[in-house]
PDB file of N, CA and C in Angstrom:
ATOM      1  N   MET A   1     -13.941   0.977   4.903  1.00  0.00           N
ATOM      2  CA  MET A   1     -12.818   2.245   4.313  1.00  0.00           C
ATOM      3  C   MET A   1     -12.546   1.365   3.392  1.00  0.00           C
ATOM      4  N   THR A   2     -11.945   2.281   1.914  1.00  0.00           N
ATOM      5  CA  THR A   2     -11.283   2.017   0.839  1.00  0.00           C
ATOM      6  C   THR A   2     -10.924   3.160   0.607  1.00  0.00           C
ATOM      7  N   ARG A   3      -8.816   2.881   0.486  1.00  0.00           N
ATOM      8  CA  ARG A   3      -7.812   4.100   0.082  1.00  0.00           C
ATOM      9  C   ARG A   3      -7.279   3.321  -1.158  1.00  0.00           C
ATOM     10  N   SER A   4      -7.312   4.958  -1.549  1.00  0.00           N
ATOM     11  CA  SER A   4      -6.430   4.206  -3.001  1.00  0.00           C
ATOM     12  C   SER A   4      -5.532   5.298  -3.852  1.00  0.00           C
ATOM     13  N   ALA A   5      -4.290   5.132  -4.327  1.00  0.00           N
ATOM     14  CA  ALA A   5      -3.728   6.005  -4.583  1.00  0.00           C
ATOM     15  C   ALA A   5      -3.747   6.163  -5.847  1.00  0.00           C
ATOM     16  N   GLN A   6      -3.402   7.536  -6.398  1.00  0.00           N
ATOM     17  CA  GLN A   6      -3.927   7.353  -7.362  1.00  0.00           C
ATOM     18  C   GLN A   6      -2.883   8.769  -8.892  1.00  0.00           C
ATOM     19  N   PHE A   7      -2.488   8.107  -9.652  1.00  0.00           N
ATOM     20  CA  PHE A   7      -0.528   9.152 -10.067  1.00  0.00           C
ATOM     21  C   PHE A   7      -1.808   9.499 -11.311  1.00  0.00           C
ATOM     22  N   PHE A   8      -1.122  10.327 -11.803  1.00  0.00           N
ATOM     23  CA  PHE A   8      -1.763  10.562 -13.623  1.00  0.00           C
ATOM     24  C   PHE A   8      -0.323  10.923 -14.816  1.00  0.00           C
ATOM     25  N   THR A   9      -0.583   9.519 -15.332  1.00  0.00           N
ATOM     26  CA  THR A   9       0.128   9.563 -16.282  1.00  0.00           C
ATOM     27  C   THR A   9      -0.407   9.377 -17.439  1.00  0.00           C
ATOM     28  N   LYS A  10       0.078   9.891 -18.386  1.00  0.00           N
ATOM     29  CA  LYS A  10      -0.234   9.662 -20.490  1.00  0.00           C
ATOM     30  C   LYS A  10       0.388   8.939 -21.221  1.00  0.00           C
ATOM     31  N   PRO A  11      -0.483   8.042 -21.480  1.00  0.00           N
ATOM     32  CA  PRO A  11       0.242   6.984 -22.116  1.00  0.00           C
ATOM     33  C   PRO A  11      -0.672   7.418 -23.414  1.00  0.00           C
ATOM     34  N   GLN A  12       0.860   6.757 -24.608  1.00  0.00           N
ATOM     35  CA  GLN A  12       1.015   7.347 -26.167  1.00  0.00           C
ATOM     36  C   GLN A  12       1.280   6.014 -26.811  1.00  0.00           C
ATOM     37  N   LEU A  13       0.679   5.832 -27.931  1.00  0.00           N
ATOM     38  CA  LEU A  13       0.449   4.506 -29.084  1.00  0.00           C
ATOM     39  C   LEU A  13       0.805   4.950 -29.813  1.00  0.00           C
ATOM     40  N   SER A  14       2.077   4.001 -30.517  1.00  0.00           N
ATOM     41  CA  SER A  14       2.326   5.239 -31.592  1.00  0.00           C
ATOM     42  C   SER A  14       1.933   4.129 -32.914  1.00  0.00           C
ATOM     43  N   SER A  15       2.006   4.974 -34.505  1.00  0.00           N
ATOM     44  CA  SER A  15       1.206   4.029 -35.296  1.00  0.00           C
ATOM     45  C   SER A  15       2.051   2.720 -35.556  1.00  0.00           C
ATOM     46  N   SER A  16       3.495   2.524 -34.725  1.00  0.00           N
ATOM     47  CA  SER A  16       4.009   1.183 -35.206  1.00  0.00           C
ATOM     48  C   SER A  16       4.107   0.120 -33.573  1.00  0.00           C
ATOM     49  N   GLY A  17       2.890   0.422 -33.031  1.00  0.00           N
ATOM     50  CA  GLY A  17       2.425   0.239 -31.822  1.00  0.00           C
ATOM     51  C   GLY A  17       3.656   0.109 -30.288  1.00  0.00           C
ATOM     52  N   LYS A  18       4.345   0.937 -30.368  1.00  0.00           N
ATOM     53  CA  LYS A  18       5.094   1.162 -29.392  1.00  0.00           C
ATOM     54  C   LYS A  18       4.436   1.978 -28.830  1.00  0.00           C
ATOM     55  N   ARG A  19       4.315   2.015 -27.357  1.00  0.00           N
ATOM     56  CA  ARG A  19       3.671   2.998 -25.857  1.00  0.00           C
ATOM     57  C   ARG A  19       4.853   3.520 -25.035  1.00  0.00           C
ATOM     58  N   THR A  20       4.695   4.507 -25.393  1.00  0.00           N
ATOM     59  CA  THR A  20       5.576   5.177 -24.331  1.00  0.00           C
ATOM     60  C   THR A  20       4.070   6.036 -23.209  1.00  0.00           C
ATOM     61  N   VAL A  21       4.705   6.204 -22.112  1.00  0.00           N
ATOM     62  CA  VAL A  21       4.422   7.114 -21.166  1.00  0.00           C
ATOM     63  C   VAL A  21       4.988   7.487 -20.580  1.00  0.00           C
ATOM     64  N   ALA A  22       4.360   8.985 -20.323  1.00  0.00           N
ATOM     65  CA  ALA A  22       4.483   9.983 -19.602  1.00  0.00           C
ATOM     66  C   ALA A  22       4.418  10.263 -18.082  1.00  0.00           C
ATOM     67  N   GLY A  23       4.927  10.489 -17.180  1.00  0.00           N
ATOM     68  CA  GLY A  23       4.545  10.165 -15.694  1.00  0.00           C
ATOM     69  C   GLY A  23       4.291  11.742 -15.418  1.00  0.00           C
ATOM     70  N   LEU A  24       3.154  12.049 -14.777  1.00  0.00           N
ATOM     71  CA  LEU A  24       2.963  13.587 -14.621  1.00  0.00           C
ATOM     72  C   LEU A  24       3.135  13.678 -13.347  1.00  0.00           C
ATOM     73  N   ARG A  25       2.971  12.523 -12.259  1.00  0.00           N
ATOM     74  CA  ARG A  25       2.689  13.271 -10.539  1.00  0.00           C
ATOM     75  C   ARG A  25       3.948  12.241 -10.232  1.00  0.00           C
ATOM     76  N   SER A  26       5.009  12.758  -9.520  1.00  0.00           N
ATOM     77  CA  SER A  26       5.778  11.563  -8.704  1.00  0.00           C
ATOM     78  C   SER A  26       4.828  10.481  -7.995  1.00  0.00           C
ATOM     79  N   THR A  27       4.447  11.645  -6.796  1.00  0.00           N
ATOM     80  CA  THR A  27       3.973  10.940  -5.562  1.00  0.00           C
ATOM     81  C   THR A  27       2.071  10.791  -5.912  1.00  0.00           C
ATOM     82  N   PRO A  28       1.349   9.827  -4.847  1.00  0.00           N
ATOM     83  CA  PRO A  28      -0.016   9.322  -5.895  1.00  0.00           C
ATOM     84  C   PRO A  28      -0.588  10.640  -4.405  1.00  0.00           C
ATOM     85  N   LEU A  29      -1.591  11.078  -5.582  1.00  0.00           N
ATOM     86  CA  LEU A  29      -2.898  11.795  -4.329  1.00  0.00           C
ATOM     87  C   LEU A  29      -3.658  10.461  -3.729  1.00  0.00           C
ATOM     88  N   TYR A  30      -3.914  10.444  -2.318  1.00  0.00           N
ATOM     89  CA  TYR A  30      -5.238   9.409  -2.345  1.00  0.00           C
ATOM     90  C   TYR A  30      -6.843   9.958  -2.130  1.00  0.00           C
ATOM     91  N   LYS A  31      -7.427   9.193  -2.140  1.00  0.00           N
ATOM     92  CA  LYS A  31      -8.656   9.100  -2.337  1.00  0.00           C
ATOM     93  C   LYS A  31      -9.199   8.165  -1.443  1.00  0.00           C
ATOM     94  N   TRP A  32     -10.136   8.523  -0.443  1.00  0.00           N
ATOM     95  CA  TRP A  32     -10.981   7.406   0.390  1.00  0.00           C
ATOM     96  C   TRP A  32     -12.502   7.214  -0.036  1.00  0.00           C
ATOM     97  N   ARG A  33     -13.192   6.338   0.555  1.00  0.00           N
ATOM     98  CA  ARG A  33     -14.348   5.456   0.529  1.00  0.00           C
ATOM     99  C   ARG A  33     -14.735   4.780   2.136  1.00  0.00           C
ATOM    100  N   LEU A  34     -15.690   5.905   2.580  1.00  0.00           N
ATOM    101  CA  LEU A  34     -16.052   5.366   3.888  1.00  0.00           C
ATOM    102  C   LEU A  34     -17.773   4.885   3.231  1.00  0.00           C
ATOM    103  N   LYS A  35     -17.965   3.584   3.875  1.00  0.00           N
ATOM    104  CA  LYS A  35     -19.316   3.435   3.117  1.00  0.00           C
ATOM    105  C   LYS A  35     -20.249   2.598   4.574  1.00  0.00           C
ATOM    106  N   ASN A  36     -21.678   2.449   4.096  1.00  0.00           N
ATOM    107  CA  ASN A  36     -22.516   1.868   5.194  1.00  0.00           C
ATOM    108  C   ASN A  36     -22.187   2.500   6.768  1.00  0.00           C
ATOM    109  N   GLY A  37     -21.958   3.295   7.355  1.00  0.00           N
ATOM    110  CA  GLY A  37     -22.132   4.165   8.618  1.00  0.00           C
ATOM    111  C   GLY A  37     -23.248   3.987   9.226  1.00  0.00           C
ATOM    112  N   VAL A  38     -23.735   3.316   9.671  1.00  0.00           N
ATOM    113  CA  VAL A  38     -25.276   4.072  10.768  1.00  0.00           C
ATOM    114  C   VAL A  38     -24.865   4.656  11.910  1.00  0.00           C
ATOM    115  N   LEU A  39     -26.144   5.580  11.521  1.00  0.00           N
ATOM    116  CA  LEU A  39     -26.000   6.931  12.675  1.00  0.00           C
ATOM    117  C   LEU A  39     -27.243   6.852  13.067  1.00  0.00           C
ATOM    118  N   GLN A  40     -27.309   6.993  14.563  1.00  0.00           N
ATOM    119  CA  GLN A  40     -28.604   7.413  15.769  1.00  0.00           C
ATOM    120  C   GLN A  40     -28.867   9.299  15.531  1.00  0.00           C
ATOM    121  N   ALA A  41     -30.119   9.285  15.703  1.00  0.00           N
ATOM    122  CA  ALA A  41     -30.705  10.847  15.482  1.00  0.00           C
ATOM    123  C   ALA A  41     -31.081  10.745  16.240  1.00  0.00           C
ATOM    124  N   ALA A  42     -30.648  11.377  17.723  1.00  0.00           N
ATOM    125  CA  ALA A  42     -31.829  11.634  18.811  1.00  0.00           C
ATOM    126  C   ALA A  42     -30.730  12.422  19.675  1.00  0.00           C
ATOM    127  N   ASP A  43     -31.825  13.318  20.712  1.00  0.00           N
ATOM    128  CA  ASP A  43     -31.200  14.139  21.779  1.00  0.00           C
ATOM    129  C   ASP A  43     -30.560  14.172  22.084  1.00  0.00           C
ATOM    130  N   THR A  44     -29.587  13.145  22.528  1.00  0.00           N
ATOM    131  CA  THR A  44     -28.687  12.541  23.290  1.00  0.00           C
ATOM    132  C   THR A  44     -27.623  12.283  22.442  1.00  0.00           C
ATOM    133  N   ILE A  45     -27.690  11.676  21.433  1.00  0.00           N
ATOM    134  CA  ILE A  45     -26.711  10.527  20.297  1.00  0.00           C
ATOM    135  C   ILE A  45     -27.493  11.464  18.859  1.00  0.00           C
ATOM    136  N   GLN A  46     -25.733  12.608  18.608  1.00  0.00           N
ATOM    137  CA  GLN A  46     -26.338  13.298  17.352  1.00  0.00           C
ATOM    138  C   GLN A  46     -25.393  13.108  16.059  1.00  0.00           C
ATOM    139  N   ASP A  47     -25.363  11.674  16.278  1.00  0.00           N
ATOM    140  CA  ASP A  47     -24.158  11.392  14.777  1.00  0.00           C
ATOM    141  C   ASP A  47     -24.676  11.615  13.855  1.00  0.00           C
ATOM    142  N   LEU A  48     -26.459  12.139  13.028  1.00  0.00           N
ATOM    143  CA  LEU A  48     -26.915  12.355  12.348  1.00  0.00           C
ATOM    144  C   LEU A  48     -26.202  13.835  11.916  1.00  0.00           C
ATOM    145  N   GLN A  49     -27.347  14.338  13.015  1.00  0.00           N
ATOM    146  CA  GLN A  49     -27.091  16.146  12.701  1.00  0.00           C
ATOM    147  C   GLN A  49     -25.347  16.442  12.671  1.00  0.00           C
ATOM    148  N   GLU A  50     -24.293  15.778  12.661  1.00  0.00           N
ATOM    149  CA  GLU A  50     -22.860  16.349  13.057  1.00  0.00           C
ATOM    150  C   GLU A  50     -22.442  15.712  12.059  1.00  0.00           C
ATOM    151  N   ILE A  51     -23.243  15.160  11.188  1.00  0.00           N
ATOM    152  CA  ILE A  51     -22.356  14.210   9.459  1.00  0.00           C
ATOM    153  C   ILE A  51     -22.990  15.458   9.031  1.00  0.00           C
ATOM    154  N   GLU A  52     -24.343  15.498   8.922  1.00  0.00           N
ATOM    155  CA  GLU A  52     -25.339  16.584   8.220  1.00  0.00           C
ATOM    156  C   GLU A  52     -24.119  18.124   8.742  1.00  0.00           C
ATOM    157  N   GLY A  53     -24.218  18.214   9.618  1.00  0.00           N
ATOM    158  CA  GLY A  53     -23.976  19.645   9.873  1.00  0.00           C
ATOM    159  C   GLY A  53     -22.456  19.884   9.555  1.00  0.00           C
ATOM    160  N   PHE A  54     -21.786  18.766   9.486  1.00  0.00           N
ATOM    161  CA  PHE A  54     -20.181  19.127   8.844  1.00  0.00           C
ATOM    162  C   PHE A  54     -20.511  19.338   7.296  1.00  0.00           C
ATOM    163  N   ILE A  55     -21.605  18.536   6.742  1.00  0.00           N
ATOM    164  CA  ILE A  55     -21.234  18.528   5.086  1.00  0.00           C
ATOM    165  C   ILE A  55     -22.012  19.689   5.047  1.00  0.00           C
ATOM    166  N   ASN A  56     -22.825  20.171   5.733  1.00  0.00           N
ATOM    167  CA  ASN A  56     -23.471  21.841   5.257  1.00  0.00           C
ATOM    168  C   ASN A  56     -22.470  22.606   5.078  1.00  0.00           C
ATOM    169  N   THR A  57     -21.341  22.763   6.744  1.00  0.00           N
ATOM    170  CA  THR A  57     -21.275  23.790   6.086  1.00  0.00           C
ATOM    171  C   THR A  57     -19.562  24.047   5.224  1.00  0.00           C
ATOM    172  N   LEU A  58     -19.477  22.555   5.007  1.00  0.00           N
ATOM    173  CA  LEU A  58     -18.184  22.512   3.941  1.00  0.00           C
ATOM    174  C   LEU A  58     -19.461  22.878   2.530  1.00  0.00           C
ATOM    175  N   GLN A  59     -20.041  23.264   2.322  1.00  0.00           N
ATOM    176  CA  GLN A  59     -20.833  23.121   1.211  1.00  0.00           C
ATOM    177  C   GLN A  59     -20.265  22.314   0.310  1.00  0.00           C
ATOM    178  N   GLY A  60     -20.541  20.720   0.911  1.00  0.00           N
ATOM    179  CA  GLY A  60     -20.512  20.130  -0.256  1.00  0.00           C
ATOM    180  C   GLY A  60     -18.693  19.711  -0.134  1.00  0.00           C
ATOM    181  N   ALA A  61     -18.685  19.586  -1.473  1.00  0.00           N
ATOM    182  CA  ALA A  61     -16.989  19.343  -2.545  1.00  0.00           C
ATOM    183  C   ALA A  61     -16.750  20.954  -2.404  1.00  0.00           C
ATOM    184  N   TYR A  62     -17.357  21.647  -1.547  1.00  0.00           N
ATOM    185  CA  TYR A  62     -16.705  23.344  -1.985  1.00  0.00           C
ATOM    186  C   TYR A  62     -15.720  23.590  -1.294  1.00  0.00           C
ATOM    187  N   SER A  63     -14.992  23.085   0.040  1.00  0.00           N
ATOM    188  CA  SER A  63     -14.230  23.640   0.782  1.00  0.00           C
ATOM    189  C   SER A  63     -13.546  22.081   1.302  1.00  0.00           C
ATOM    190  N   SER A  64     -12.150  22.363   1.843  1.00  0.00           N
ATOM    191  CA  SER A  64     -11.716  21.570   2.198  1.00  0.00           C
ATOM    192  C   SER A  64     -11.628  21.014   3.385  1.00  0.00           C
ATOM    193  N   PHE A  65     -10.810  19.754   4.424  1.00  0.00           N
ATOM    194  CA  PHE A  65     -10.715  19.572   5.298  1.00  0.00           C
ATOM    195  C   PHE A  65      -8.910  18.745   5.410  1.00  0.00           C
ATOM    196  N   TYR A  66      -9.022  18.504   6.807  1.00  0.00           N
ATOM    197  CA  TYR A  66      -7.973  17.774   7.145  1.00  0.00           C
ATOM    198  C   TYR A  66      -7.968  16.034   7.590  1.00  0.00           C
ATOM    199  N   TRP A  67      -6.967  15.368   6.933  1.00  0.00           N
ATOM    200  CA  TRP A  67      -8.238  13.534   7.198  1.00  0.00           C
ATOM    201  C   TRP A  67      -6.515  13.596   7.505  1.00  0.00           C
ATOM    202  N   THR A  68      -6.722  12.802   8.675  1.00  0.00           N
ATOM    203  CA  THR A  68      -5.587  11.670   9.142  1.00  0.00           C
ATOM    204  C   THR A  68      -6.264  10.356   9.027  1.00  0.00           C
ATOM    205  N   ASP A  69      -5.185   9.466   7.897  1.00  0.00           N
ATOM    206  CA  ASP A  69      -5.797   8.456   7.947  1.00  0.00           C
ATOM    207  C   ASP A  69      -4.985   7.377   8.759  1.00  0.00           C
ATOM    208  N   PRO A  70      -6.396   6.063   9.618  1.00  0.00           N
ATOM    209  CA  PRO A  70      -6.467   6.169  10.557  1.00  0.00           C
ATOM    210  C   PRO A  70      -5.168   4.844  10.295  1.00  0.00           C
ATOM    211  N   GLU A  71      -4.775   4.540   9.223  1.00  0.00           N
ATOM    212  CA  GLU A  71      -3.504   3.541   8.950  1.00  0.00           C
ATOM    213  C   GLU A  71      -2.500   4.239   8.885  1.00  0.00           C
ATOM    214  N   GLN A  72      -2.018   5.765   9.546  1.00  0.00           N
ATOM    215  CA  GLN A  72      -1.172   6.495   9.369  1.00  0.00           C
ATOM    216  C   GLN A  72      -0.281   6.305   8.692  1.00  0.00           C
ATOM    217  N   GLU A  73       0.978   5.052   9.802  1.00  0.00           N
ATOM    218  CA  GLU A  73       1.926   4.466   9.732  1.00  0.00           C
ATOM    219  C   GLU A  73       2.131   3.921   7.932  1.00  0.00           C
ATOM    220  N   SER A  74       1.492   3.166   7.208  1.00  0.00           N
ATOM    221  CA  SER A  74       1.459   2.753   6.332  1.00  0.00           C
ATOM    222  C   SER A  74       1.621   3.637   4.927  1.00  0.00           C
ATOM    223  N   ILE A  75       1.478   5.189   4.781  1.00  0.00           N
ATOM    224  CA  ILE A  75       1.826   6.002   4.118  1.00  0.00           C
ATOM    225  C   ILE A  75       2.203   7.208   4.787  1.00  0.00           C
ATOM    226  N   ALA A  76       2.702   8.042   4.405  1.00  0.00           N
ATOM    227  CA  ALA A  76       3.693   8.946   4.549  1.00  0.00           C
ATOM    228  C   ALA A  76       2.528  10.552   4.455  1.00  0.00           C
ATOM    229  N   GLY A  77       3.045  11.751   5.087  1.00  0.00           N
ATOM    230  CA  GLY A  77       2.690  13.159   4.520  1.00  0.00           C
ATOM    231  C   GLY A  77       0.955  12.932   5.257  1.00  0.00           C
ATOM    232  N   ASN A  78       0.706  12.693   6.549  1.00  0.00           N
ATOM    233  CA  ASN A  78       0.020  12.916   7.728  1.00  0.00           C
ATOM    234  C   ASN A  78      -0.359  13.770   8.243  1.00  0.00           C
ATOM    235  N   PRO A  79      -1.087  14.811   8.360  1.00  0.00           N
ATOM    236  CA  PRO A  79      -2.807  14.743   8.236  1.00  0.00           C
ATOM    237  C   PRO A  79      -2.672  14.940   6.444  1.00  0.00           C
ATOM    238  N   PHE A  80      -4.252  14.206   5.598  1.00  0.00           N
ATOM    239  CA  PHE A  80      -3.937  15.051   4.577  1.00  0.00           C
ATOM    240  C   PHE A  80      -4.889  16.230   4.423  1.00  0.00           C
ATOM    241  N   LEU A  81      -4.891  16.849   3.085  1.00  0.00           N
ATOM    242  CA  LEU A  81      -6.103  17.793   3.213  1.00  0.00           C
ATOM    243  C   LEU A  81      -7.396  17.714   1.976  1.00  0.00           C
ATOM    244  N   VAL A  82      -7.986  17.546   2.342  1.00  0.00           N
ATOM    245  CA  VAL A  82      -8.881  16.814   1.027  1.00  0.00           C
ATOM    246  C   VAL A  82     -10.580  17.566   1.051  1.00  0.00           C
ATOM    247  N   ALA A  83     -11.399  16.980   0.338  1.00  0.00           N
ATOM    248  CA  ALA A  83     -12.303  17.645  -0.300  1.00  0.00           C
ATOM    249  C   ALA A  83     -13.628  16.177  -0.285  1.00  0.00           C
ATOM    250  N   PHE A  84     -14.506  16.878  -0.146  1.00  0.00           N
ATOM    251  CA  PHE A  84     -14.972  15.317  -1.095  1.00  0.00           C
ATOM    252  C   PHE A  84     -15.604  15.469  -2.486  1.00  0.00           C
ATOM    253  N   THR A  85     -15.564  14.549  -2.830  1.00  0.00           N
ATOM    254  CA  THR A  85     -15.958  14.408  -4.023  1.00  0.00           C
ATOM    255  C   THR A  85     -16.900  15.004  -4.750  1.00  0.00           C
ATOM    256  N   ASN A  86     -18.724  14.658  -4.091  1.00  0.00           N
ATOM    257  CA  ASN A  86     -19.682  14.909  -4.411  1.00  0.00           C
ATOM    258  C   ASN A  86     -20.463  16.321  -2.947  1.00  0.00           C
ATOM    259  N   ASP A  87     -21.060  16.762  -3.667  1.00  0.00           N
ATOM    260  CA  ASP A  87     -21.907  17.873  -3.257  1.00  0.00           C
ATOM    261  C   ASP A  87     -22.914  17.334  -2.226  1.00  0.00           C
ATOM    262  N   ALA A  88     -23.050  16.199  -2.752  1.00  0.00           N
ATOM    263  CA  ALA A  88     -24.702  15.528  -1.950  1.00  0.00           C
ATOM    264  C   ALA A  88     -23.965  14.484  -1.041  1.00  0.00           C
ATOM    265  N   ILE A  89     -25.328  14.445  -0.464  1.00  0.00           N
ATOM    266  CA  ILE A  89     -25.009  12.883   0.984  1.00  0.00           C
ATOM    267  C   ILE A  89     -26.108  12.027   0.535  1.00  0.00           C
ATOM    268  N   GLU A  90     -25.945  11.048   0.403  1.00  0.00           N
ATOM    269  CA  GLU A  90     -27.002   9.891   0.773  1.00  0.00           C
ATOM    270  C   GLU A  90     -27.892   9.329   2.186  1.00  0.00           C
ATOM    271  N   LEU A  91     -28.681   9.666   2.453  1.00  0.00           N
ATOM    272  CA  LEU A  91     -29.245   9.438   3.965  1.00  0.00           C
ATOM    273  C   LEU A  91     -30.073   8.318   3.765  1.00  0.00           C
ATOM    274  N   GLN A  92     -29.990   7.053   3.535  1.00  0.00           N
ATOM    275  CA  GLN A  92     -31.398   6.280   4.177  1.00  0.00           C
ATOM    276  C   GLN A  92     -31.553   6.139   5.563  1.00  0.00           C
ATOM    277  N   GLN A  93     -33.241   6.020   5.993  1.00  0.00           N
ATOM    278  CA  GLN A  93     -33.789   6.384   7.546  1.00  0.00           C
ATOM    279  C   GLN A  93     -34.244   4.364   7.323  1.00  0.00           C
ATOM    280  N   LEU A  94     -33.543   3.968   8.264  1.00  0.00           N
ATOM    281  CA  LEU A  94     -33.121   2.462   8.415  1.00  0.00           C
ATOM    282  C   LEU A  94     -34.691   2.385   9.777  1.00  0.00           C
ATOM    283  N   SER A  95     -34.437   2.625  10.489  1.00  0.00           N
ATOM    284  CA  SER A  95     -35.809   2.791  10.949  1.00  0.00           C
ATOM    285  C   SER A  95     -36.451   4.230  12.203  1.00  0.00           C
ATOM    286  N   TYR A  96     -36.884   4.254  13.043  1.00  0.00           N
ATOM    287  CA  TYR A  96     -36.912   5.644  13.992  1.00  0.00           C
ATOM    288  C   TYR A  96     -35.657   5.588  14.680  1.00  0.00           C
ATOM    289  N   GLN A  97     -35.129   7.466  13.619  1.00  0.00           N
ATOM    290  CA  GLN A  97     -33.822   7.538  14.320  1.00  0.00           C
ATOM    291  C   GLN A  97     -32.704   6.836  14.504  1.00  0.00           C
ATOM    292  N   ILE A  98     -32.736   5.762  13.401  1.00  0.00           N
ATOM    293  CA  ILE A  98     -31.471   4.941  13.027  1.00  0.00           C
ATOM    294  C   ILE A  98     -31.777   5.700  11.023  1.00  0.00           C
ATOM    295  N   TRP A  99     -30.340   6.061  10.779  1.00  0.00           N
ATOM    296  CA  TRP A  99     -30.260   6.195   9.659  1.00  0.00           C
ATOM    297  C   TRP A  99     -28.647   5.279   9.086  1.00  0.00           C
ATOM    298  N   GLN A 100     -28.496   5.545   7.957  1.00  0.00           N
ATOM    299  CA  GLN A 100     -27.619   4.878   7.235  1.00  0.00           C
ATOM    300  C   GLN A 100     -27.010   5.805   6.409  1.00  0.00           C
ATOM    301  N   VAL A 101     -25.584   5.524   5.900  1.00  0.00           N
ATOM    302  CA  VAL A 101     -25.187   6.716   5.104  1.00  0.00           C
ATOM    303  C   VAL A 101     -24.254   5.629   4.459  1.00  0.00           C
ATOM    304  N   GLY A 102     -24.771   6.460   3.110  1.00  0.00           N
ATOM    305  CA  GLY A 102     -24.235   5.156   1.971  1.00  0.00           C
ATOM    306  C   GLY A 102     -23.073   5.058   1.795  1.00  0.00           C
ATOM    307  N   GLU A 103     -22.485   6.550   1.050  1.00  0.00           N
ATOM    308  CA  GLU A 103     -20.955   6.681   1.159  1.00  0.00           C
ATOM    309  C   GLU A 103     -20.567   7.935   1.330  1.00  0.00           C
ATOM    310  N   LEU A 104     -19.303   8.101   1.869  1.00  0.00           N
ATOM    311  CA  LEU A 104     -18.635   9.329   1.947  1.00  0.00           C
ATOM    312  C   LEU A 104     -17.232   9.273   1.299  1.00  0.00           C
ATOM    313  N   ALA A 105     -17.099   9.862   0.345  1.00  0.00           N
ATOM    314  CA  ALA A 105     -15.920   9.928  -0.361  1.00  0.00           C
ATOM    315  C   ALA A 105     -14.720  11.411  -1.215  1.00  0.00           C
ATOM    316  N   PHE A 106     -14.039  11.510  -0.547  1.00  0.00           N
ATOM    317  CA  PHE A 106     -13.046  12.580  -0.389  1.00  0.00           C
ATOM    318  C   PHE A 106     -11.347  12.397  -0.684  1.00  0.00           C
ATOM    319  N   GLN A 107     -10.702  13.623  -1.700  1.00  0.00           N
ATOM    320  CA  GLN A 107      -9.694  12.607  -1.907  1.00  0.00           C
ATOM    321  C   GLN A 107      -8.446  14.517  -2.084  1.00  0.00           C
ATOM    322  N   GLN A 108      -8.027  13.823  -1.801  1.00  0.00           N
ATOM    323  CA  GLN A 108      -6.611  14.888  -1.374  1.00  0.00           C
ATOM    324  C   GLN A 108      -6.572  15.685  -2.729  1.00  0.00           C
ATOM    325  N   VAL A 109      -6.525  17.075  -1.498  1.00  0.00           N
ATOM    326  CA  VAL A 109      -6.282  17.892  -2.878  1.00  0.00           C
ATOM    327  C   VAL A 109      -5.076  18.956  -2.427  1.00  0.00           C
ATOM    328  N   THR A 110      -4.519  19.345  -3.611  1.00  0.00           N
ATOM    329  CA  THR A 110      -2.750  20.050  -3.152  1.00  0.00           C
ATOM    330  C   THR A 110      -3.646  21.656  -4.226  1.00  0.00           C
ATOM    331  N   PHE A 111      -2.695  22.847  -3.541  1.00  0.00           N
ATOM    332  CA  PHE A 111      -3.153  23.948  -4.140  1.00  0.00           C
ATOM    333  C   PHE A 111      -1.775  24.711  -4.534  1.00  0.00           C
TER     334      PHE A 111
END
């Protein structure tokens, strides 16, 4: 898992070379990436079906869901309202009924 804090700043460079920056967000929005998960697909083990079903239910990046960071003590404000950053998920079949997820990326959203 990777977590990154994203701020929104607007830097400006004057003709004299002086740099000024406007901070447009006082607290970060977070982004997470989950990489290389191995999933099993069998009648008794439904990892693959559950991940695909969850993404299909959300219609990719269209809908949001709540995510609790496993290291929640290190940042405030859990759970986070998040949405996937892409509409597609890449699944690779490693062998019979064994699949690998390339990456699941999602970021905090606000309304």
